[in-house]
Amino acid sequence: MTTNAPRPEVLRYTAFSSDPAGGNLAGVVLDAADLDDSEMLAIAADLGYSESAFLTAPPEGLGGQEGRAYRIRFFSPKAEVPFCGHATVATAVALAERIGPGELVFATPAGTVPVEVSEEGGRFRATLTSVEPHLEEITDDDLAEALAALGWPAADLDPAFPPRIAFAGARHLVLASATRARLADLAYDFARLEALMHRLDLTTVQLVWRESATVFHARDPFPVGGVVEDPATGAAAAAFGAYARELGLVPEDAVLTLHQGEDLGRPGELAVTLRAGDRRVRVSGAAARIG
C-alpha cells in the first residue's frame, strides 16, 4: 500500500454468536487489493484477534455469481494460516449486510469454500462447506509430548475418542477429555506446545468433551498464532466433524452442536452438519458487528 493510499476500512466482528460479548473476534477487510503481505500481517497483529480476513478479487475460474466471489486470506498476529472458519463466517455476514444474503464463493489457500448466508429473525447466519477432509495417525512420542505440554495425564483422555490429526482446511490435533472438569482446567506450556505444533504443522489443538450423543464442548489452544486460546474455531469444528464421522463416533448423517468459549467468558455455538454421501463438512453460525 503506497503512503498516499487511504488505509482500508477494518471491520470488527464476532463469529459463532449474535452477542458481541460472545464468540470469536475477527478483523475483516472487504477490500485488501492495495495491501501487501506485511501490511495484512501488521493489521492482524494490531487487532490481536486470533485471525483476520482480507478479501481481494477472485482468481480466474473460481465461479460463483459476479460480485459474490472473492479470494480470501487469513492472518493471525504471527503468520498467515491456510483456512479460518470463524473469520470466514464473519466475512460472509459482513458481505451479506452490504449485498444481501445468498451464495458466496471464497478461494482460500486451502481450496474453494462455498458459503451460504441466510436471514433468520432479522439476523444473518452463515454456513461454510469445507474442503475434502482427512485424518492422520499421531505417533506415541508426539502424543506423549502434546500431553506433557498440556499437563494432561493420559488417563484423563476419553478412550472412546482415539487421538488423531484431522484436516478440513487446516490441521488440528483432536484430543478428547474424559470429564468436563479436565477440559475446564487448561494451563499449558505455551512454548513447548508451540514447538510441537510447528513441527507437526498444526493450527490448533482441538480439545473436546462429549456431553451427549451430538453435543460437545471444545477448547482450542493456538500458540502458533500468538494466541493462548481461540474462543470459537470453525476450521477445527469442521475437522472434528470429519474425525467423529470417520471413526464411527456419530452417524454419517448428523447435526452436531459444539459449545466453545464458555471457559473464556465468550460463549459461542457452532453447528456441524454431516451428510451421507458427502465427505465435506458444513459449519454454521451467527456473527455480529462490534465497535
Protein backbone atom coordinates (compact mmCIF):
# COMPACT_ATOMS: atom_id res chain seq x y z
CA MET A 1 0.00 0.00 0.00
CA THR A 2 1.51 3.31 -1.02
CA THR A 3 1.92 6.05 1.55
CA ASN A 4 -0.65 8.17 -0.31
CA ALA A 5 -3.28 5.45 -0.46
CA PRO A 6 -6.02 5.57 2.18
CA ARG A 7 -5.93 2.84 4.79
CA PRO A 8 -8.69 0.31 4.06
CA GLU A 9 -11.56 0.06 6.50
CA VAL A 10 -11.00 -2.64 9.09
CA LEU A 11 -14.29 -4.06 10.34
CA ARG A 12 -14.60 -5.92 13.63
CA TYR A 13 -16.98 -8.84 14.03
CA THR A 14 -17.58 -11.69 16.40
CA ALA A 15 -18.47 -15.09 14.92
CA PHE A 16 -20.47 -18.02 16.25
CA SER A 17 -22.50 -15.69 18.45
CA SER A 18 -25.06 -12.97 17.83
CA ASP A 19 -23.93 -11.31 21.07
CA PRO A 20 -20.87 -9.04 20.69
CA ALA A 21 -19.71 -10.29 24.10
CA GLY A 22 -19.61 -13.90 22.89
CA GLY A 23 -17.97 -15.89 20.12
CA ASN A 24 -14.61 -15.29 18.47
CA LEU A 25 -13.44 -11.88 17.31
CA ALA A 26 -12.22 -11.36 13.75
CA GLY A 27 -10.98 -8.43 11.74
CA VAL A 28 -12.47 -8.16 8.24
CA VAL A 29 -11.07 -6.09 5.37
CA LEU A 30 -13.50 -6.23 2.44
CA ASP A 31 -11.08 -4.57 0.02
CA ALA A 32 -7.46 -5.54 0.58
CA ALA A 33 -6.36 -5.00 -3.03
CA ASP A 34 -3.77 -2.40 -2.06
CA LEU A 35 -2.29 -4.33 0.88
CA ASP A 36 0.81 -6.49 0.69
CA ASP A 37 1.52 -9.45 2.95
CA SER A 38 3.41 -7.43 5.55
CA GLU A 39 0.60 -4.90 5.79
CA MET A 40 -2.05 -7.59 6.24
CA LEU A 41 0.06 -9.20 8.95
CA ALA A 42 0.53 -5.81 10.64
CA ILE A 43 -3.23 -5.19 10.69
CA ALA A 44 -3.84 -8.66 12.18
CA ALA A 45 -1.15 -8.13 14.80
CA ASP A 46 -2.51 -4.70 15.69
CA LEU A 47 -6.00 -6.12 16.20
CA GLY A 48 -4.65 -9.04 18.23
CA TYR A 49 -7.56 -11.32 17.30
CA SER A 50 -6.83 -14.97 16.56
CA GLU A 51 -7.39 -14.28 12.84
CA SER A 52 -8.36 -11.51 10.47
CA ALA A 53 -9.65 -11.94 6.91
CA PHE A 54 -8.67 -9.99 3.79
CA LEU A 55 -10.66 -10.01 0.52
CA THR A 56 -9.39 -9.36 -2.98
CA ALA A 57 -10.69 -10.08 -6.49
CA PRO A 58 -11.36 -13.74 -7.30
CA PRO A 59 -8.87 -15.79 -9.30
CA GLU A 60 -9.85 -16.80 -12.81
CA GLY A 61 -12.10 -19.83 -12.97
CA LEU A 62 -13.37 -19.64 -9.38
CA GLY A 63 -17.00 -19.49 -10.45
CA GLY A 64 -19.84 -18.07 -8.41
CA GLN A 65 -22.02 -15.08 -9.15
CA GLU A 66 -20.41 -11.83 -10.17
CA GLY A 67 -19.80 -9.70 -7.10
CA ARG A 68 -20.22 -12.71 -4.80
CA ALA A 69 -16.90 -14.49 -5.36
CA TYR A 70 -13.58 -13.49 -3.79
CA ARG A 71 -10.09 -14.55 -2.88
CA ILE A 72 -9.76 -14.60 0.92
CA ARG A 73 -6.63 -14.80 3.05
CA PHE A 74 -6.31 -15.22 6.81
CA PHE A 75 -3.65 -13.83 9.12
CA SER A 76 -3.11 -14.47 12.81
CA PRO A 77 -0.99 -11.97 14.77
CA LYS A 78 2.04 -14.13 13.90
CA ALA A 79 1.53 -15.61 10.45
CA GLU A 80 -0.79 -16.44 7.58
CA VAL A 81 -2.97 -19.53 8.08
CA PRO A 82 -4.48 -21.65 5.28
CA PHE A 83 -8.07 -21.55 6.49
CA CYS A 84 -10.07 -19.97 9.30
CA GLY A 85 -13.72 -20.81 9.88
CA HIS A 86 -14.74 -18.03 12.23
CA ALA A 87 -13.23 -15.30 10.04
CA THR A 88 -14.98 -16.85 7.01
CA VAL A 89 -18.32 -16.69 8.84
CA ALA A 90 -17.64 -13.12 9.96
CA THR A 91 -16.69 -12.07 6.43
CA ALA A 92 -19.74 -13.74 4.91
CA VAL A 93 -22.07 -11.92 7.31
CA ALA A 94 -20.25 -8.62 6.70
CA LEU A 95 -20.82 -9.08 2.97
CA ALA A 96 -24.45 -10.08 3.45
CA GLU A 97 -25.09 -6.88 5.36
CA ARG A 98 -23.94 -5.00 2.26
CA ILE A 99 -25.08 -7.11 -0.71
CA GLY A 100 -27.75 -9.32 0.84
CA PRO A 101 -27.93 -12.99 1.82
CA GLY A 102 -27.30 -15.80 -0.63
CA GLU A 103 -24.42 -17.83 -2.01
CA LEU A 104 -20.79 -16.74 -1.79
CA VAL A 105 -17.64 -18.46 -3.02
CA PHE A 106 -14.22 -17.96 -1.44
CA ALA A 107 -10.89 -19.05 -2.88
CA THR A 108 -8.84 -19.83 0.23
CA PRO A 109 -5.22 -21.05 0.40
CA ALA A 110 -6.68 -24.45 1.35
CA GLY A 111 -9.11 -24.62 -1.58
CA THR A 112 -12.54 -23.41 -2.64
CA VAL A 113 -15.03 -22.83 0.19
CA PRO A 114 -18.67 -22.10 -0.68
CA VAL A 115 -20.71 -20.21 1.93
CA GLU A 116 -24.47 -19.81 2.14
CA VAL A 117 -25.82 -16.86 4.13
CA SER A 118 -29.44 -16.95 5.28
CA GLU A 119 -31.52 -14.48 7.22
CA GLU A 120 -33.30 -15.72 10.32
CA GLY A 121 -35.32 -13.37 12.52
CA GLY A 122 -33.56 -10.33 11.17
CA ARG A 123 -30.10 -11.81 11.75
CA PHE A 124 -27.72 -13.38 9.29
CA ARG A 125 -26.33 -16.88 9.66
CA ALA A 126 -23.53 -18.29 7.52
CA THR A 127 -22.85 -21.92 6.60
CA LEU A 128 -19.47 -22.79 5.12
CA THR A 129 -18.69 -26.03 3.32
CA SER A 130 -15.20 -27.36 4.00
CA VAL A 131 -12.70 -28.74 1.56
CA GLU A 132 -12.29 -32.53 1.44
CA PRO A 133 -11.18 -33.69 4.92
CA HIS A 134 -8.82 -36.44 6.01
CA LEU A 135 -7.34 -37.96 9.17
CA GLU A 136 -3.81 -38.95 10.14
CA GLU A 137 -2.39 -41.03 12.95
CA ILE A 138 -0.19 -39.39 15.59
CA THR A 139 2.86 -41.22 16.91
CA ASP A 140 3.03 -42.30 20.53
CA ASP A 141 6.01 -39.99 21.10
CA ASP A 142 4.23 -36.95 19.64
CA LEU A 143 1.09 -37.70 21.64
CA ALA A 144 3.16 -38.00 24.81
CA GLU A 145 4.79 -34.64 24.06
CA ALA A 146 1.39 -33.00 23.44
CA LEU A 147 0.03 -34.32 26.74
CA ALA A 148 3.17 -33.23 28.58
CA ALA A 149 2.86 -29.71 27.16
CA LEU A 150 -0.81 -29.59 28.16
CA GLY A 151 -0.13 -31.06 31.58
CA TRP A 152 -2.76 -33.76 30.92
CA PRO A 153 -2.19 -37.29 32.22
CA ALA A 154 -3.01 -39.91 29.59
CA ALA A 155 -5.58 -41.35 31.99
CA ASP A 156 -7.62 -38.15 31.61
CA LEU A 157 -8.33 -38.89 27.94
CA ASP A 158 -11.63 -40.44 26.83
CA PRO A 159 -10.69 -43.89 25.48
CA ALA A 160 -13.66 -43.81 23.08
CA PHE A 161 -12.02 -40.98 21.14
CA PRO A 162 -8.60 -42.00 19.78
CA PRO A 163 -6.16 -39.12 19.23
CA ARG A 164 -5.85 -38.13 15.58
CA ILE A 165 -4.71 -35.25 13.43
CA ALA A 166 -7.75 -34.08 11.46
CA PHE A 167 -7.80 -31.80 8.42
CA ALA A 168 -10.68 -29.91 6.81
CA GLY A 169 -8.73 -26.90 5.56
CA ALA A 170 -6.17 -26.80 8.37
CA ARG A 171 -4.54 -29.44 10.59
CA HIS A 172 -5.76 -29.91 14.16
CA LEU A 173 -4.81 -32.47 16.79
CA VAL A 174 -8.02 -33.86 18.29
CA LEU A 175 -7.84 -34.93 21.95
CA ALA A 176 -10.91 -35.84 23.98
CA SER A 177 -11.20 -35.30 27.71
CA ALA A 178 -12.95 -37.87 29.85
CA THR A 179 -14.55 -35.16 32.01
CA ARG A 180 -15.78 -31.58 31.72
CA ALA A 181 -13.59 -30.67 34.71
CA ARG A 182 -10.45 -31.78 32.86
CA LEU A 183 -11.43 -29.64 29.87
CA ALA A 184 -12.07 -26.64 32.11
CA ASP A 185 -8.65 -26.91 33.75
CA LEU A 186 -6.39 -25.69 30.95
CA ALA A 187 -2.99 -24.22 31.84
CA TYR A 188 -0.42 -25.35 29.31
CA ASP A 189 3.25 -24.77 28.46
CA PHE A 190 2.92 -22.23 25.64
CA ALA A 191 6.44 -22.55 24.20
CA ARG A 192 6.52 -26.34 24.44
CA LEU A 193 3.15 -26.82 22.73
CA GLU A 194 4.01 -24.21 20.11
CA ALA A 195 7.22 -26.05 19.21
CA LEU A 196 5.39 -29.36 18.77
CA MET A 197 2.65 -27.72 16.70
CA HIS A 198 5.17 -26.12 14.36
CA ARG A 199 6.88 -29.48 13.89
CA LEU A 200 3.56 -31.22 13.11
CA ASP A 201 2.17 -28.27 11.11
CA LEU A 202 -0.85 -27.92 13.41
CA THR A 203 -3.08 -24.86 13.51
CA THR A 204 -4.75 -25.64 16.85
CA VAL A 205 -5.18 -28.48 19.30
CA GLN A 206 -8.88 -29.36 19.38
CA LEU A 207 -9.76 -30.40 22.94
CA VAL A 208 -13.28 -31.81 23.28
CA TRP A 209 -15.62 -33.33 25.83
CA ARG A 210 -18.78 -35.20 24.89
CA GLU A 211 -21.88 -34.06 26.77
CA SER A 212 -24.37 -36.21 24.83
CA ALA A 213 -24.70 -38.09 21.54
CA THR A 214 -24.49 -34.93 19.43
CA VAL A 215 -23.42 -32.18 21.87
CA PHE A 216 -19.78 -31.42 22.58
CA HIS A 217 -17.72 -28.78 24.38
CA ALA A 218 -14.43 -27.64 22.84
CA ARG A 219 -11.33 -25.57 23.58
CA ASP A 220 -8.53 -24.73 21.15
CA PRO A 221 -5.04 -23.69 22.27
CA PHE A 222 -3.48 -21.62 19.46
CA PRO A 223 0.10 -20.72 20.44
CA VAL A 224 1.36 -20.87 16.84
CA GLY A 225 -0.90 -17.89 16.12
CA GLY A 226 0.33 -15.96 19.11
CA VAL A 227 -2.95 -16.51 20.96
CA VAL A 228 -3.31 -18.60 24.12
CA GLU A 229 -6.74 -19.88 23.15
CA ASP A 230 -9.13 -19.48 20.23
CA PRO A 231 -12.66 -18.79 21.58
CA ALA A 232 -14.59 -20.42 18.68
CA THR A 233 -12.86 -22.35 15.93
CA GLY A 234 -14.77 -23.14 12.75
CA ALA A 235 -11.89 -24.87 10.98
CA ALA A 236 -11.34 -27.16 13.98
CA ALA A 237 -15.09 -27.81 14.21
CA ALA A 238 -15.08 -28.95 10.57
CA ALA A 239 -12.06 -31.17 11.22
CA PHE A 240 -13.73 -32.60 14.30
CA GLY A 241 -16.91 -33.40 12.37
CA ALA A 242 -14.88 -35.34 9.82
CA TYR A 243 -12.97 -37.09 12.61
CA ALA A 244 -16.10 -38.11 14.53
CA ARG A 245 -17.84 -39.45 11.43
CA GLU A 246 -14.86 -41.34 10.02
CA LEU A 247 -14.27 -43.10 13.33
CA GLY A 248 -17.96 -44.00 13.65
CA LEU A 249 -18.47 -41.89 16.78
CA VAL A 250 -21.52 -40.16 15.28
CA PRO A 251 -23.94 -41.12 12.50
CA GLU A 252 -23.00 -40.46 8.88
CA ASP A 253 -25.97 -38.07 8.75
CA ALA A 254 -25.91 -35.84 11.82
CA VAL A 255 -26.00 -32.32 13.17
CA LEU A 256 -23.52 -31.78 15.99
CA THR A 257 -23.53 -28.83 18.38
CA LEU A 258 -20.19 -27.58 19.67
CA HIS A 259 -20.11 -25.17 22.60
CA GLN A 260 -16.89 -23.20 22.82
CA GLY A 261 -15.65 -20.13 24.65
CA GLU A 262 -17.56 -20.73 27.87
CA ASP A 263 -14.35 -21.11 29.88
CA LEU A 264 -13.11 -17.80 28.46
CA GLY A 265 -16.31 -15.91 29.22
CA ARG A 266 -17.10 -15.64 25.48
CA PRO A 267 -19.66 -18.40 24.84
CA GLY A 268 -20.29 -19.39 21.25
CA GLU A 269 -22.13 -22.13 19.41
CA LEU A 270 -21.08 -23.96 16.25
CA ALA A 271 -23.38 -26.27 14.29
CA VAL A 272 -21.59 -29.04 12.39
CA THR A 273 -23.64 -30.79 9.71
CA LEU A 274 -22.65 -34.15 8.24
CA ARG A 275 -24.37 -35.54 5.14
CA ALA A 276 -24.30 -39.11 3.92
CA GLY A 277 -22.51 -39.41 0.60
CA ASP A 278 -20.65 -36.10 1.01
CA ARG A 279 -17.33 -36.17 2.85
CA ARG A 280 -17.23 -32.40 3.19
CA VAL A 281 -18.38 -30.84 6.46
CA ARG A 282 -20.68 -27.85 6.91
CA VAL A 283 -20.17 -25.45 9.80
CA SER A 284 -22.81 -22.84 10.63
CA GLY A 285 -23.01 -19.90 12.96
CA ALA A 286 -24.18 -16.37 13.55
CA ALA A 287 -22.00 -13.26 13.57
CA ALA A 288 -22.34 -9.72 14.85
CA ARG A 289 -20.51 -6.48 14.20
CA ILE A 290 -18.78 -4.90 17.19
CA GLY A 291 -17.46 -1.42 17.78
